[in-house]
């Protein structure tokens, strides 16, 4: 099972690494949201979530590749810092959503 997860993470990380090598900044994320007809809160949250998951998988894959001696230290550090930032952002968004929900629940009708 661990081997299956690791191979999936490695392949996802390699795909993400290839994508990040061709694009310094990910304008595809902004373009995907802007070009779609559905530009609601749900679409934005789905895009942000999928981007964060992809970043976390890339960080994990970079770590695994480094353990195998296939990845440079600089790329591993960059991937892990990006993954950490994505995780912190996701936690901050979650906290704000929970806080907003609690405020709505406290409102009198």
N, C-alpha and C. Protein backbone atom coordinates (compact mmCIF):
# COMPACT_ATOMS: atom_id res chain seq x y z
N UNK A 1 0.83 -1.19 0.00
CA UNK A 1 0.00 0.00 0.00
C UNK A 1 0.87 1.25 0.00
N UNK A 2 1.93 1.24 0.82
CA UNK A 2 2.83 2.39 0.87
C UNK A 2 3.50 2.58 -0.48
N UNK A 3 3.86 1.48 -1.13
CA UNK A 3 4.49 1.58 -2.45
C UNK A 3 3.54 2.19 -3.46
N UNK A 4 2.25 1.84 -3.39
CA UNK A 4 1.27 2.40 -4.32
C UNK A 4 1.10 3.90 -4.09
N UNK A 5 1.06 4.29 -2.82
CA UNK A 5 0.94 5.72 -2.50
C UNK A 5 2.18 6.45 -2.95
N UNK A 6 3.35 5.88 -2.68
CA UNK A 6 4.60 6.52 -3.05
C UNK A 6 4.72 6.67 -4.56
N UNK A 7 4.37 5.64 -5.31
CA UNK A 7 4.48 5.74 -6.76
C UNK A 7 3.48 6.76 -7.32
N UNK A 8 2.31 6.83 -6.71
CA UNK A 8 1.34 7.84 -7.13
C UNK A 8 1.85 9.23 -6.82
N UNK A 9 2.42 9.40 -5.64
CA UNK A 9 2.95 10.70 -5.24
C UNK A 9 4.12 11.10 -6.13
N UNK A 10 4.96 10.13 -6.47
CA UNK A 10 6.11 10.43 -7.33
C UNK A 10 5.64 10.85 -8.70
N UNK A 11 4.70 10.13 -9.28
CA UNK A 11 4.22 10.50 -10.61
C UNK A 11 3.51 11.84 -10.60
N UNK A 12 2.76 12.12 -9.54
CA UNK A 12 2.10 13.42 -9.43
C UNK A 12 3.14 14.53 -9.27
N UNK A 13 4.16 14.24 -8.49
CA UNK A 13 5.22 15.23 -8.28
C UNK A 13 6.01 15.49 -9.54
N UNK A 14 6.27 14.45 -10.30
CA UNK A 14 7.00 14.64 -11.55
C UNK A 14 6.19 15.45 -12.54
N UNK A 15 4.89 15.21 -12.60
CA UNK A 15 4.04 15.99 -13.49
C UNK A 15 3.99 17.45 -13.04
N UNK A 16 3.92 17.66 -11.74
CA UNK A 16 3.89 19.02 -11.21
C UNK A 16 5.23 19.71 -11.43
N UNK A 17 6.31 18.96 -11.25
CA UNK A 17 7.64 19.53 -11.47
C UNK A 17 7.80 19.96 -12.92
N UNK A 18 7.34 19.12 -13.85
CA UNK A 18 7.41 19.50 -15.26
C UNK A 18 6.57 20.74 -15.52
N UNK A 19 5.42 20.82 -14.89
CA UNK A 19 4.55 21.98 -15.09
C UNK A 19 5.18 23.24 -14.50
N UNK A 20 5.80 23.13 -13.33
CA UNK A 20 6.40 24.30 -12.71
C UNK A 20 7.69 24.70 -13.40
N UNK A 21 8.37 23.77 -14.05
CA UNK A 21 9.57 24.14 -14.79
C UNK A 21 9.21 24.97 -16.01
N UNK A 22 8.06 24.71 -16.61
CA UNK A 22 7.66 25.45 -17.80
C UNK A 22 7.01 26.77 -17.46
N UNK A 23 6.45 26.90 -16.23
CA UNK A 23 5.79 28.13 -15.82
C UNK A 23 6.29 28.51 -14.44
N UNK A 24 6.86 29.71 -14.32
CA UNK A 24 7.34 30.17 -13.02
C UNK A 24 6.15 30.43 -12.09
N UNK A 25 5.15 31.09 -12.60
CA UNK A 25 3.93 31.35 -11.84
C UNK A 25 2.81 30.62 -12.54
N UNK A 26 1.84 30.15 -11.79
CA UNK A 26 0.79 29.35 -12.39
C UNK A 26 -0.37 30.22 -12.87
N UNK A 27 -0.26 30.78 -14.06
CA UNK A 27 -1.40 31.55 -14.58
C UNK A 27 -2.54 30.65 -15.01
N UNK A 28 -2.28 29.35 -15.13
CA UNK A 28 -3.33 28.43 -15.53
C UNK A 28 -4.45 28.40 -14.50
N UNK A 29 -4.08 28.53 -13.22
CA UNK A 29 -5.10 28.53 -12.18
C UNK A 29 -6.02 29.73 -12.32
N UNK A 30 -5.44 30.89 -12.54
CA UNK A 30 -6.25 32.10 -12.71
C UNK A 30 -7.05 32.04 -14.00
N UNK A 31 -6.44 31.53 -15.06
CA UNK A 31 -7.12 31.44 -16.35
C UNK A 31 -8.28 30.45 -16.28
N UNK A 32 -8.08 29.34 -15.58
CA UNK A 32 -9.14 28.33 -15.49
C UNK A 32 -10.37 28.90 -14.79
N UNK A 33 -10.14 29.70 -13.77
CA UNK A 33 -11.26 30.29 -13.05
C UNK A 33 -11.91 31.38 -13.90
N UNK A 34 -11.09 32.22 -14.56
CA UNK A 34 -11.63 33.33 -15.32
C UNK A 34 -12.32 32.87 -16.59
N UNK A 35 -11.81 31.81 -17.23
CA UNK A 35 -12.36 31.40 -18.51
C UNK A 35 -13.64 30.57 -18.37
N UNK A 36 -13.86 29.98 -17.22
CA UNK A 36 -15.05 29.16 -17.07
C UNK A 36 -16.28 30.05 -16.89
N UNK A 37 -17.43 29.50 -17.26
CA UNK A 37 -18.68 30.24 -17.11
C UNK A 37 -19.09 30.33 -15.66
N UNK A 38 -18.67 29.36 -14.88
CA UNK A 38 -19.04 29.27 -13.47
C UNK A 38 -17.97 29.96 -12.62
N UNK A 39 -18.22 31.19 -12.20
CA UNK A 39 -17.25 31.93 -11.43
C UNK A 39 -17.84 32.24 -10.05
N UNK A 40 -18.35 31.23 -9.42
CA UNK A 40 -18.93 31.40 -8.11
C UNK A 40 -17.95 31.01 -7.02
N UNK A 41 -18.40 31.15 -5.80
CA UNK A 41 -17.59 30.81 -4.64
C UNK A 41 -17.17 29.35 -4.68
N UNK A 42 -18.09 28.48 -5.07
CA UNK A 42 -17.81 27.05 -5.12
C UNK A 42 -16.70 26.74 -6.12
N UNK A 43 -16.74 27.37 -7.29
CA UNK A 43 -15.72 27.13 -8.32
C UNK A 43 -14.35 27.60 -7.85
N UNK A 44 -14.33 28.75 -7.20
CA UNK A 44 -13.06 29.28 -6.70
C UNK A 44 -12.50 28.37 -5.62
N UNK A 45 -13.35 27.92 -4.72
CA UNK A 45 -12.89 27.04 -3.64
C UNK A 45 -12.40 25.70 -4.18
N UNK A 46 -13.08 25.17 -5.19
CA UNK A 46 -12.63 23.92 -5.80
C UNK A 46 -11.26 24.09 -6.43
N UNK A 47 -11.06 25.20 -7.13
CA UNK A 47 -9.77 25.46 -7.79
C UNK A 47 -8.66 25.63 -6.77
N UNK A 48 -8.92 26.39 -5.72
CA UNK A 48 -7.92 26.61 -4.68
C UNK A 48 -7.59 25.30 -3.98
N UNK A 49 -8.60 24.50 -3.71
CA UNK A 49 -8.38 23.21 -3.05
C UNK A 49 -7.56 22.28 -3.92
N UNK A 50 -7.90 22.18 -5.19
CA UNK A 50 -7.15 21.28 -6.06
C UNK A 50 -5.71 21.76 -6.24
N UNK A 51 -5.50 23.08 -6.29
CA UNK A 51 -4.14 23.61 -6.38
C UNK A 51 -3.34 23.28 -5.12
N UNK A 52 -3.97 23.42 -3.96
CA UNK A 52 -3.29 23.13 -2.70
C UNK A 52 -2.94 21.64 -2.61
N UNK A 53 -3.86 20.79 -3.01
CA UNK A 53 -3.59 19.35 -2.98
C UNK A 53 -2.46 19.00 -3.93
N UNK A 54 -2.45 19.59 -5.10
CA UNK A 54 -1.37 19.35 -6.05
C UNK A 54 -0.03 19.81 -5.52
N UNK A 55 0.00 20.95 -4.84
CA UNK A 55 1.23 21.46 -4.26
C UNK A 55 1.73 20.55 -3.15
N UNK A 56 0.82 20.07 -2.32
CA UNK A 56 1.21 19.15 -1.24
C UNK A 56 1.75 17.84 -1.81
N UNK A 57 1.12 17.33 -2.85
CA UNK A 57 1.60 16.10 -3.48
C UNK A 57 2.97 16.30 -4.12
N UNK A 58 3.18 17.48 -4.71
CA UNK A 58 4.49 17.77 -5.32
C UNK A 58 5.58 17.83 -4.26
N UNK A 59 5.27 18.41 -3.11
CA UNK A 59 6.24 18.45 -2.02
C UNK A 59 6.58 17.07 -1.51
N UNK A 60 5.57 16.24 -1.38
CA UNK A 60 5.80 14.86 -0.94
C UNK A 60 6.62 14.09 -1.97
N UNK A 61 6.30 14.27 -3.23
CA UNK A 61 7.03 13.57 -4.29
C UNK A 61 8.47 14.04 -4.35
N UNK A 62 8.70 15.32 -4.14
CA UNK A 62 10.07 15.84 -4.14
C UNK A 62 10.86 15.25 -2.98
N UNK A 63 10.22 15.10 -1.84
CA UNK A 63 10.90 14.49 -0.69
C UNK A 63 11.27 13.05 -0.98
N UNK A 64 10.35 12.33 -1.58
CA UNK A 64 10.61 10.92 -1.90
C UNK A 64 11.72 10.82 -2.94
N UNK A 65 11.70 11.70 -3.93
CA UNK A 65 12.74 11.69 -4.96
C UNK A 65 14.10 12.03 -4.36
N UNK A 66 14.12 12.93 -3.39
CA UNK A 66 15.38 13.28 -2.73
C UNK A 66 15.93 12.10 -1.95
N UNK A 67 15.05 11.35 -1.32
CA UNK A 67 15.50 10.16 -0.59
C UNK A 67 16.07 9.12 -1.53
N UNK A 68 15.57 9.09 -2.75
CA UNK A 68 16.08 8.16 -3.75
C UNK A 68 17.30 8.71 -4.47
N UNK A 69 17.67 9.96 -4.18
CA UNK A 69 18.83 10.58 -4.80
C UNK A 69 18.56 11.13 -6.18
N UNK A 70 17.32 11.35 -6.53
CA UNK A 70 16.95 11.81 -7.86
C UNK A 70 16.68 13.31 -7.93
N UNK A 71 16.63 13.98 -6.81
CA UNK A 71 16.21 15.38 -6.77
C UNK A 71 17.26 16.20 -6.03
N UNK A 72 17.47 17.44 -6.49
CA UNK A 72 18.44 18.32 -5.83
C UNK A 72 17.83 18.88 -4.54
N UNK A 73 18.70 19.26 -3.65
CA UNK A 73 18.26 19.80 -2.37
C UNK A 73 17.48 21.10 -2.55
N UNK A 74 17.93 21.92 -3.48
CA UNK A 74 17.26 23.20 -3.72
C UNK A 74 15.82 23.00 -4.14
N UNK A 75 15.58 22.07 -5.07
CA UNK A 75 14.21 21.81 -5.54
C UNK A 75 13.35 21.23 -4.42
N UNK A 76 13.94 20.40 -3.59
CA UNK A 76 13.18 19.82 -2.47
C UNK A 76 12.76 20.91 -1.51
N UNK A 77 13.69 21.80 -1.19
CA UNK A 77 13.37 22.89 -0.27
C UNK A 77 12.29 23.80 -0.87
N UNK A 78 12.41 24.11 -2.15
CA UNK A 78 11.39 24.94 -2.80
C UNK A 78 10.02 24.27 -2.77
N UNK A 79 10.00 22.98 -3.07
CA UNK A 79 8.72 22.25 -3.09
C UNK A 79 8.12 22.17 -1.69
N UNK A 80 8.95 21.93 -0.69
CA UNK A 80 8.43 21.84 0.67
C UNK A 80 7.97 23.19 1.20
N UNK A 81 8.67 24.25 0.85
CA UNK A 81 8.23 25.59 1.28
C UNK A 81 6.91 25.96 0.61
N UNK A 82 6.77 25.60 -0.65
CA UNK A 82 5.52 25.85 -1.36
C UNK A 82 4.38 25.04 -0.74
N UNK A 83 4.67 23.79 -0.40
CA UNK A 83 3.65 22.94 0.23
C UNK A 83 3.26 23.49 1.60
N UNK A 84 4.24 23.96 2.35
CA UNK A 84 3.95 24.52 3.67
C UNK A 84 3.08 25.77 3.55
N UNK A 85 3.39 26.62 2.57
CA UNK A 85 2.60 27.82 2.36
C UNK A 85 1.17 27.47 1.94
N UNK A 86 1.02 26.47 1.09
CA UNK A 86 -0.32 26.05 0.66
C UNK A 86 -1.11 25.50 1.84
N UNK A 87 -0.46 24.74 2.69
CA UNK A 87 -1.14 24.19 3.87
C UNK A 87 -1.55 25.29 4.83
N UNK A 88 -0.66 26.26 5.06
CA UNK A 88 -1.00 27.37 5.94
C UNK A 88 -2.16 28.18 5.39
N UNK A 89 -2.18 28.37 4.08
CA UNK A 89 -3.28 29.10 3.45
C UNK A 89 -4.59 28.34 3.60
N UNK A 90 -4.54 27.03 3.38
CA UNK A 90 -5.76 26.21 3.52
C UNK A 90 -6.29 26.25 4.94
N UNK A 91 -5.40 26.20 5.92
CA UNK A 91 -5.82 26.25 7.32
C UNK A 91 -6.42 27.63 7.64
N UNK A 92 -5.81 28.69 7.12
CA UNK A 92 -6.33 30.03 7.37
C UNK A 92 -7.72 30.21 6.75
N UNK A 93 -7.91 29.71 5.54
CA UNK A 93 -9.22 29.80 4.88
C UNK A 93 -10.25 28.99 5.66
N UNK A 94 -9.87 27.80 6.08
CA UNK A 94 -10.79 26.97 6.87
C UNK A 94 -11.20 27.70 8.15
N UNK A 95 -10.23 28.31 8.84
CA UNK A 95 -10.53 29.03 10.08
C UNK A 95 -11.50 30.18 9.83
N UNK A 96 -11.30 30.90 8.72
CA UNK A 96 -12.19 32.02 8.40
C UNK A 96 -13.60 31.54 8.06
N UNK A 97 -13.69 30.42 7.35
CA UNK A 97 -15.00 29.87 7.00
C UNK A 97 -15.73 29.43 8.27
N UNK A 98 -15.03 28.77 9.18
CA UNK A 98 -15.65 28.33 10.44
C UNK A 98 -16.08 29.54 11.25
N UNK A 99 -15.23 30.57 11.30
CA UNK A 99 -15.57 31.79 12.03
C UNK A 99 -16.81 32.46 11.45
N UNK A 100 -16.88 32.52 10.12
CA UNK A 100 -18.05 33.12 9.47
C UNK A 100 -19.30 32.31 9.76
N UNK A 101 -19.19 30.99 9.73
CA UNK A 101 -20.33 30.12 10.02
C UNK A 101 -20.82 30.35 11.45
N UNK A 102 -19.88 30.44 12.38
CA UNK A 102 -20.26 30.66 13.78
C UNK A 102 -20.95 32.00 13.96
N UNK A 103 -20.52 33.02 13.25
CA UNK A 103 -21.17 34.32 13.33
C UNK A 103 -22.60 34.26 12.77
N UNK A 104 -22.77 33.53 11.67
CA UNK A 104 -24.12 33.39 11.08
C UNK A 104 -25.03 32.64 12.04
N UNK A 105 -24.52 31.62 12.69
CA UNK A 105 -25.33 30.82 13.62
C UNK A 105 -25.75 31.68 14.81
N UNK A 106 -24.90 32.60 15.25
CA UNK A 106 -25.19 33.43 16.40
C UNK A 106 -26.20 34.55 16.09
N UNK A 107 -26.44 34.81 14.82
CA UNK A 107 -27.38 35.89 14.46
C UNK A 107 -28.80 35.53 14.88
N UNK A 108 -29.50 36.55 15.34
CA UNK A 108 -30.90 36.32 15.68
C UNK A 108 -31.76 36.54 14.43
N UNK A 109 -32.79 35.74 14.34
CA UNK A 109 -33.65 35.80 13.15
C UNK A 109 -34.89 36.60 13.45
